[in-house]
Amino acid sequence: METSQAKAVYERRKVIAEPPFGQIENSGFRSFSLRGKEKVEAEFSLVCTVHSFKKIVKKASTGSIRLEDLKKVRKAA
């Protein structure tokens, strides 16, 4: 952590990796309801999917993205 390269990596991590976990926690998710690695992975996948869906709905409702743009992405996939 003392090298300038390590500091740069850590600075970038704060911007990219940390915010979604904080946003998920602030929305009310504090602990897993299930036990076992597979079940926890499934639960966390669901939490992340809901988080992404909420972001899409918010952007669509504010006009940042248009629903027509989402249809184009869906056709391309």
PDB file of N, CA and C in Angstrom:
ATOM      1  N   MET A   1       0.815  -1.202   0.000  1.00  0.00           N
ATOM      2  CA  MET A   1       0.000   0.000   0.000  1.00  0.00           C
ATOM      3  C   MET A   1       0.856   1.261   0.000  1.00  0.00           C
ATOM      4  N   GLU A   2       2.143   1.113   0.155  1.00  0.00           N
ATOM      5  CA  GLU A   2       3.013   2.281   0.208  1.00  0.00           C
ATOM      6  C   GLU A   2       3.441   2.767  -1.164  1.00  0.00           C
ATOM      7  N   THR A   3       3.386   1.908  -2.181  1.00  0.00           N
ATOM      8  CA  THR A   3       3.821   2.326  -3.510  1.00  0.00           C
ATOM      9  C   THR A   3       2.743   3.174  -4.169  1.00  0.00           C
ATOM     10  N   SER A   4       3.174   3.972  -5.093  1.00  0.00           N
ATOM     11  CA  SER A   4       2.206   4.839  -5.794  1.00  0.00           C
ATOM     12  C   SER A   4       1.257   4.009  -6.647  1.00  0.00           C
ATOM     13  N   GLN A   5       1.742   2.896  -7.168  1.00  0.00           N
ATOM     14  CA  GLN A   5       0.884   2.028  -7.981  1.00  0.00           C
ATOM     15  C   GLN A   5      -0.224   1.408  -7.117  1.00  0.00           C
ATOM     16  N   ALA A   6       0.128   0.958  -5.932  1.00  0.00           N
ATOM     17  CA  ALA A   6      -0.871   0.375  -5.031  1.00  0.00           C
ATOM     18  C   ALA A   6      -1.894   1.418  -4.605  1.00  0.00           C
ATOM     19  N   LYS A   7      -1.448   2.626  -4.353  1.00  0.00           N
ATOM     20  CA  LYS A   7      -2.370   3.699  -3.979  1.00  0.00           C
ATOM     21  C   LYS A   7      -3.336   4.009  -5.109  1.00  0.00           C
ATOM     22  N   ALA A   8      -2.835   3.973  -6.354  1.00  0.00           N
ATOM     23  CA  ALA A   8      -3.693   4.242  -7.513  1.00  0.00           C
ATOM     24  C   ALA A   8      -4.764   3.156  -7.657  1.00  0.00           C
ATOM     25  N   VAL A   9      -4.369   1.903  -7.442  1.00  0.00           N
ATOM     26  CA  VAL A   9      -5.329   0.799  -7.522  1.00  0.00           C
ATOM     27  C   VAL A   9      -6.401   0.963  -6.449  1.00  0.00           C
ATOM     28  N   TYR A  10      -5.999   1.301  -5.245  1.00  0.00           N
ATOM     29  CA  TYR A  10      -6.950   1.466  -4.148  1.00  0.00           C
ATOM     30  C   TYR A  10      -7.895   2.634  -4.403  1.00  0.00           C
ATOM     31  N   GLU A  11      -7.387   3.731  -4.932  1.00  0.00           N
ATOM     32  CA  GLU A  11      -8.242   4.882  -5.256  1.00  0.00           C
ATOM     33  C   GLU A  11      -9.293   4.489  -6.282  1.00  0.00           C
ATOM     34  N   ARG A  12      -8.899   3.725  -7.281  1.00  0.00           N
ATOM     35  CA  ARG A  12      -9.835   3.298  -8.323  1.00  0.00           C
ATOM     36  C   ARG A  12     -10.876   2.334  -7.743  1.00  0.00           C
ATOM     37  N   ARG A  13     -10.455   1.469  -6.825  1.00  0.00           N
ATOM     38  CA  ARG A  13     -11.371   0.517  -6.206  1.00  0.00           C
ATOM     39  C   ARG A  13     -12.466   1.232  -5.432  1.00  0.00           C
ATOM     40  N   LYS A  14     -12.125   2.318  -4.754  1.00  0.00           N
ATOM     41  CA  LYS A  14     -13.130   3.059  -3.988  1.00  0.00           C
ATOM     42  C   LYS A  14     -14.226   3.595  -4.890  1.00  0.00           C
ATOM     43  N   VAL A  15     -13.887   3.907  -6.118  1.00  0.00           N
ATOM     44  CA  VAL A  15     -14.858   4.481  -7.047  1.00  0.00           C
ATOM     45  C   VAL A  15     -15.679   3.398  -7.737  1.00  0.00           C
ATOM     46  N   ILE A  16     -15.054   2.263  -8.034  1.00  0.00           N
ATOM     47  CA  ILE A  16     -15.718   1.235  -8.833  1.00  0.00           C
ATOM     48  C   ILE A  16     -16.393   0.168  -7.982  1.00  0.00           C
ATOM     49  N   ALA A  17     -15.663  -0.432  -7.050  1.00  0.00           N
ATOM     50  CA  ALA A  17     -16.166  -1.620  -6.358  1.00  0.00           C
ATOM     51  C   ALA A  17     -16.985  -1.326  -5.116  1.00  0.00           C
ATOM     52  N   GLU A  18     -16.654  -0.331  -4.377  1.00  0.00           N
ATOM     53  CA  GLU A  18     -17.283  -0.126  -3.072  1.00  0.00           C
ATOM     54  C   GLU A  18     -18.700   0.457  -3.117  1.00  0.00           C
ATOM     55  N   PRO A  19     -19.009   1.433  -3.960  1.00  0.00           N
ATOM     56  CA  PRO A  19     -20.346   2.049  -3.912  1.00  0.00           C
ATOM     57  C   PRO A  19     -21.532   1.093  -4.036  1.00  0.00           C
ATOM     58  N   PRO A  20     -21.520   0.110  -4.951  1.00  0.00           N
ATOM     59  CA  PRO A  20     -22.693  -0.769  -5.015  1.00  0.00           C
ATOM     60  C   PRO A  20     -22.956  -1.523  -3.718  1.00  0.00           C
ATOM     61  N   PHE A  21     -21.905  -1.957  -3.036  1.00  0.00           N
ATOM     62  CA  PHE A  21     -22.106  -2.672  -1.783  1.00  0.00           C
ATOM     63  C   PHE A  21     -22.703  -1.752  -0.721  1.00  0.00           C
ATOM     64  N   GLY A  22     -22.260  -0.514  -0.677  1.00  0.00           N
ATOM     65  CA  GLY A  22     -22.823   0.454   0.255  1.00  0.00           C
ATOM     66  C   GLY A  22     -24.274   0.767  -0.076  1.00  0.00           C
ATOM     67  N   GLN A  23     -24.574   0.908  -1.367  1.00  0.00           N
ATOM     68  CA  GLN A  23     -25.941   1.201  -1.787  1.00  0.00           C
ATOM     69  C   GLN A  23     -26.871   0.036  -1.446  1.00  0.00           C
ATOM     70  N   ILE A  24     -26.390  -1.191  -1.652  1.00  0.00           N
ATOM     71  CA  ILE A  24     -27.200  -2.370  -1.322  1.00  0.00           C
ATOM     72  C   ILE A  24     -27.444  -2.426   0.179  1.00  0.00           C
ATOM     73  N   GLU A  25     -26.415  -2.149   0.959  1.00  0.00           N
ATOM     74  CA  GLU A  25     -26.563  -2.177   2.414  1.00  0.00           C
ATOM     75  C   GLU A  25     -27.507  -1.080   2.890  1.00  0.00           C
ATOM     76  N   ASN A  26     -27.414   0.106   2.305  1.00  0.00           N
ATOM     77  CA  ASN A  26     -28.296   1.212   2.691  1.00  0.00           C
ATOM     78  C   ASN A  26     -29.744   0.973   2.295  1.00  0.00           C
ATOM     79  N   SER A  27     -29.970   0.107   1.318  1.00  0.00           N
ATOM     80  CA  SER A  27     -31.347  -0.175   0.918  1.00  0.00           C
ATOM     81  C   SER A  27     -32.014  -1.189   1.840  1.00  0.00           C
ATOM     82  N   GLY A  28     -31.254  -1.702   2.819  1.00  0.00           N
ATOM     83  CA  GLY A  28     -31.869  -2.567   3.815  1.00  0.00           C
ATOM     84  C   GLY A  28     -31.299  -3.963   3.903  1.00  0.00           C
ATOM     85  N   PHE A  29     -30.459  -4.350   2.968  1.00  0.00           N
ATOM     86  CA  PHE A  29     -29.888  -5.699   3.014  1.00  0.00           C
ATOM     87  C   PHE A  29     -28.692  -5.694   3.946  1.00  0.00           C
ATOM     88  N   ARG A  30     -28.818  -6.402   5.071  1.00  0.00           N
ATOM     89  CA  ARG A  30     -27.751  -6.427   6.070  1.00  0.00           C
ATOM     90  C   ARG A  30     -27.147  -7.807   6.258  1.00  0.00           C
ATOM     91  N   SER A  31     -27.913  -8.855   6.053  1.00  0.00           N
ATOM     92  CA  SER A  31     -27.377 -10.197   6.241  1.00  0.00           C
ATOM     93  C   SER A  31     -28.156 -11.185   5.376  1.00  0.00           C
ATOM     94  N   PHE A  32     -27.561 -12.334   5.182  1.00  0.00           N
ATOM     95  CA  PHE A  32     -28.193 -13.357   4.367  1.00  0.00           C
ATOM     96  C   PHE A  32     -29.220 -14.121   5.184  1.00  0.00           C
ATOM     97  N   SER A  33     -30.275 -14.532   4.517  1.00  0.00           N
ATOM     98  CA  SER A  33     -31.343 -15.273   5.176  1.00  0.00           C
ATOM     99  C   SER A  33     -31.112 -16.780   5.103  1.00  0.00           C
ATOM    100  N   LEU A  34     -30.257 -17.201   4.188  1.00  0.00           N
ATOM    101  CA  LEU A  34     -30.050 -18.623   3.939  1.00  0.00           C
ATOM    102  C   LEU A  34     -28.661 -19.054   4.378  1.00  0.00           C
ATOM    103  N   ARG A  35     -28.467 -20.362   4.419  1.00  0.00           N
ATOM    104  CA  ARG A  35     -27.167 -20.925   4.764  1.00  0.00           C
ATOM    105  C   ARG A  35     -26.667 -21.793   3.616  1.00  0.00           C
ATOM    106  N   GLY A  36     -25.360 -21.877   3.527  1.00  0.00           N
ATOM    107  CA  GLY A  36     -24.755 -22.685   2.466  1.00  0.00           C
ATOM    108  C   GLY A  36     -24.296 -21.805   1.321  1.00  0.00           C
ATOM    109  N   LYS A  37     -23.154 -22.151   0.759  1.00  0.00           N
ATOM    110  CA  LYS A  37     -22.552 -21.305  -0.276  1.00  0.00           C
ATOM    111  C   LYS A  37     -23.473 -21.124  -1.488  1.00  0.00           C
ATOM    112  N   GLU A  38     -24.048 -22.211  -1.986  1.00  0.00           N
ATOM    113  CA  GLU A  38     -24.903 -22.115  -3.173  1.00  0.00           C
ATOM    114  C   GLU A  38     -26.123 -21.235  -2.916  1.00  0.00           C
ATOM    115  N   LYS A  39     -26.737 -21.393  -1.753  1.00  0.00           N
ATOM    116  CA  LYS A  39     -27.927 -20.602  -1.435  1.00  0.00           C
ATOM    117  C   LYS A  39     -27.570 -19.135  -1.238  1.00  0.00           C
ATOM    118  N   VAL A  40     -26.432 -18.868  -0.597  1.00  0.00           N
ATOM    119  CA  VAL A  40     -25.994 -17.488  -0.396  1.00  0.00           C
ATOM    120  C   VAL A  40     -25.658 -16.849  -1.740  1.00  0.00           C
ATOM    121  N   GLU A  41     -25.001 -17.598  -2.633  1.00  0.00           N
ATOM    122  CA  GLU A  41     -24.704 -17.073  -3.967  1.00  0.00           C
ATOM    123  C   GLU A  41     -25.990 -16.719  -4.705  1.00  0.00           C
ATOM    124  N   ALA A  42     -26.990 -17.573  -4.601  1.00  0.00           N
ATOM    125  CA  ALA A  42     -28.270 -17.313  -5.262  1.00  0.00           C
ATOM    126  C   ALA A  42     -28.956 -16.087  -4.669  1.00  0.00           C
ATOM    127  N   GLU A  43     -28.924 -15.993  -3.347  1.00  0.00           N
ATOM    128  CA  GLU A  43     -29.554 -14.848  -2.692  1.00  0.00           C
ATOM    129  C   GLU A  43     -28.852 -13.548  -3.076  1.00  0.00           C
ATOM    130  N   PHE A  44     -27.516 -13.570  -3.093  1.00  0.00           N
ATOM    131  CA  PHE A  44     -26.782 -12.358  -3.440  1.00  0.00           C
ATOM    132  C   PHE A  44     -26.984 -11.994  -4.913  1.00  0.00           C
ATOM    133  N   SER A  45     -27.094 -12.990  -5.784  1.00  0.00           N
ATOM    134  CA  SER A  45     -27.403 -12.718  -7.193  1.00  0.00           C
ATOM    135  C   SER A  45     -28.748 -12.020  -7.330  1.00  0.00           C
ATOM    136  N   LEU A  46     -29.710 -12.468  -6.557  1.00  0.00           N
ATOM    137  CA  LEU A  46     -31.030 -11.841  -6.575  1.00  0.00           C
ATOM    138  C   LEU A  46     -30.954 -10.399  -6.066  1.00  0.00           C
ATOM    139  N   VAL A  47     -30.204 -10.178  -4.989  1.00  0.00           N
ATOM    140  CA  VAL A  47     -30.037  -8.827  -4.432  1.00  0.00           C
ATOM    141  C   VAL A  47     -29.396  -7.916  -5.472  1.00  0.00           C
ATOM    142  N   CYS A  48     -28.361  -8.408  -6.152  1.00  0.00           N
ATOM    143  CA  CYS A  48     -27.678  -7.597  -7.167  1.00  0.00           C
ATOM    144  C   CYS A  48     -28.584  -7.315  -8.362  1.00  0.00           C
ATOM    145  N   THR A  49     -29.389  -8.303  -8.755  1.00  0.00           N
ATOM    146  CA  THR A  49     -30.320  -8.108  -9.862  1.00  0.00           C
ATOM    147  C   THR A  49     -31.343  -7.038  -9.524  1.00  0.00           C
ATOM    148  N   VAL A  50     -31.868  -7.080  -8.320  1.00  0.00           N
ATOM    149  CA  VAL A  50     -32.837  -6.069  -7.879  1.00  0.00           C
ATOM    150  C   VAL A  50     -32.185  -4.694  -7.840  1.00  0.00           C
ATOM    151  N   HIS A  51     -30.944  -4.634  -7.368  1.00  0.00           N
ATOM    152  CA  HIS A  51     -30.217  -3.356  -7.320  1.00  0.00           C
ATOM    153  C   HIS A  51     -30.071  -2.777  -8.729  1.00  0.00           C
ATOM    154  N   SER A  52     -29.680  -3.617  -9.685  1.00  0.00           N
ATOM    155  CA  SER A  52     -29.525  -3.162 -11.067  1.00  0.00           C
ATOM    156  C   SER A  52     -30.863  -2.730 -11.658  1.00  0.00           C
ATOM    157  N   PHE A  53     -31.896  -3.506 -11.381  1.00  0.00           N
ATOM    158  CA  PHE A  53     -33.231  -3.176 -11.896  1.00  0.00           C
ATOM    159  C   PHE A  53     -33.707  -1.833 -11.342  1.00  0.00           C
ATOM    160  N   LYS A  54     -33.457  -1.582 -10.054  1.00  0.00           N
ATOM    161  CA  LYS A  54     -33.842  -0.304  -9.451  1.00  0.00           C
ATOM    162  C   LYS A  54     -33.116   0.855 -10.131  1.00  0.00           C
ATOM    163  N   LYS A  55     -31.845   0.651 -10.488  1.00  0.00           N
ATOM    164  CA  LYS A  55     -31.086   1.691 -11.170  1.00  0.00           C
ATOM    165  C   LYS A  55     -31.665   1.968 -12.558  1.00  0.00           C
ATOM    166  N   ILE A  56     -32.059   0.905 -13.272  1.00  0.00           N
ATOM    167  CA  ILE A  56     -32.646   1.071 -14.605  1.00  0.00           C
ATOM    168  C   ILE A  56     -33.964   1.814 -14.511  1.00  0.00           C
ATOM    169  N   VAL A  57     -34.805   1.437 -13.558  1.00  0.00           N
ATOM    170  CA  VAL A  57     -36.107   2.089 -13.395  1.00  0.00           C
ATOM    171  C   VAL A  57     -35.918   3.563 -13.049  1.00  0.00           C
ATOM    172  N   LYS A  58     -34.974   3.857 -12.178  1.00  0.00           N
ATOM    173  CA  LYS A  58     -34.725   5.245 -11.795  1.00  0.00           C
ATOM    174  C   LYS A  58     -34.266   6.063 -12.996  1.00  0.00           C
ATOM    175  N   LYS A  59     -33.350   5.507 -13.787  1.00  0.00           N
ATOM    176  CA  LYS A  59     -32.875   6.236 -14.962  1.00  0.00           C
ATOM    177  C   LYS A  59     -33.981   6.412 -15.997  1.00  0.00           C
ATOM    178  N   ALA A  60     -34.822   5.399 -16.156  1.00  0.00           N
ATOM    179  CA  ALA A  60     -35.929   5.510 -17.111  1.00  0.00           C
ATOM    180  C   ALA A  60     -36.953   6.536 -16.650  1.00  0.00           C
ATOM    181  N   SER A  61     -37.198   6.612 -15.341  1.00  0.00           N
ATOM    182  CA  SER A  61     -38.199   7.547 -14.837  1.00  0.00           C
ATOM    183  C   SER A  61     -37.699   8.992 -14.860  1.00  0.00           C
ATOM    184  N   THR A  62     -36.390   9.192 -14.788  1.00  0.00           N
ATOM    185  CA  THR A  62     -35.852  10.555 -14.851  1.00  0.00           C
ATOM    186  C   THR A  62     -35.554  10.989 -16.274  1.00  0.00           C
ATOM    187  N   GLY A  63     -35.670  10.057 -17.226  1.00  0.00           N
ATOM    188  CA  GLY A  63     -35.422  10.399 -18.616  1.00  0.00           C
ATOM    189  C   GLY A  63     -33.969  10.269 -19.029  1.00  0.00           C
ATOM    190  N   SER A  64     -33.121   9.720 -18.148  1.00  0.00           N
ATOM    191  CA  SER A  64     -31.713   9.537 -18.494  1.00  0.00           C
ATOM    192  C   SER A  64     -31.530   8.501 -19.592  1.00  0.00           C
ATOM    193  N   ILE A  65     -32.399   7.486 -19.605  1.00  0.00           N
ATOM    194  CA  ILE A  65     -32.416   6.510 -20.685  1.00  0.00           C
ATOM    195  C   ILE A  65     -33.846   6.351 -21.152  1.00  0.00           C
ATOM    196  N   ARG A  66     -33.986   5.942 -22.389  1.00  0.00           N
ATOM    197  CA  ARG A  66     -35.318   5.716 -22.938  1.00  0.00           C
ATOM    198  C   ARG A  66     -35.563   4.222 -23.030  1.00  0.00           C
ATOM    199  N   LEU A  67     -36.791   3.823 -22.858  1.00  0.00           N
ATOM    200  CA  LEU A  67     -37.124   2.409 -22.931  1.00  0.00           C
ATOM    201  C   LEU A  67     -36.839   1.843 -24.310  1.00  0.00           C
ATOM    202  N   GLU A  68     -36.897   2.685 -25.337  1.00  0.00           N
ATOM    203  CA  GLU A  68     -36.585   2.232 -26.695  1.00  0.00           C
ATOM    204  C   GLU A  68     -35.130   1.785 -26.788  1.00  0.00           C
ATOM    205  N   ASP A  69     -34.243   2.467 -26.037  1.00  0.00           N
ATOM    206  CA  ASP A  69     -32.832   2.090 -26.034  1.00  0.00           C
ATOM    207  C   ASP A  69     -32.645   0.704 -25.419  1.00  0.00           C
ATOM    208  N   LEU A  70     -33.421   0.398 -24.395  1.00  0.00           N
ATOM    209  CA  LEU A  70     -33.331  -0.923 -23.774  1.00  0.00           C
ATOM    210  C   LEU A  70     -33.820  -2.010 -24.730  1.00  0.00           C
ATOM    211  N   LYS A  71     -34.814  -1.704 -25.536  1.00  0.00           N
ATOM    212  CA  LYS A  71     -35.310  -2.676 -26.508  1.00  0.00           C
ATOM    213  C   LYS A  71     -34.255  -2.972 -27.558  1.00  0.00           C
ATOM    214  N   LYS A  72     -33.485  -1.951 -27.953  1.00  0.00           N
ATOM    215  CA  LYS A  72     -32.417  -2.156 -28.930  1.00  0.00           C
ATOM    216  C   LYS A  72     -31.343  -3.067 -28.362  1.00  0.00           C
ATOM    217  N   VAL A  73     -31.009  -2.881 -27.096  1.00  0.00           N
ATOM    218  CA  VAL A  73     -30.008  -3.727 -26.454  1.00  0.00           C
ATOM    219  C   VAL A  73     -30.502  -5.172 -26.396  1.00  0.00           C
ATOM    220  N   ARG A  74     -31.770  -5.330 -26.097  1.00  0.00           N
ATOM    221  CA  ARG A  74     -32.343  -6.673 -25.982  1.00  0.00           C
ATOM    222  C   ARG A  74     -32.317  -7.393 -27.336  1.00  0.00           C
ATOM    223  N   LYS A  75     -32.610  -6.670 -28.422  1.00  0.00           N
ATOM    224  CA  LYS A  75     -32.592  -7.283 -29.746  1.00  0.00           C
ATOM    225  C   LYS A  75     -31.180  -7.666 -30.155  1.00  0.00           C
ATOM    226  N   ALA A  76     -30.192  -6.893 -29.760  1.00  0.00           N
ATOM    227  CA  ALA A  76     -28.804  -7.170 -30.122  1.00  0.00           C
ATOM    228  C   ALA A  76     -28.264  -8.402 -29.406  1.00  0.00           C
ATOM    229  N   ALA A  77     -28.818  -8.717 -28.251  1.00  0.00           N
ATOM    230  CA  ALA A  77     -28.304  -9.864 -27.464  1.00  0.00           C
ATOM    231  C   ALA A  77     -28.787 -11.170 -27.944  1.00  0.00           C
TER     232      ALA A  77
END
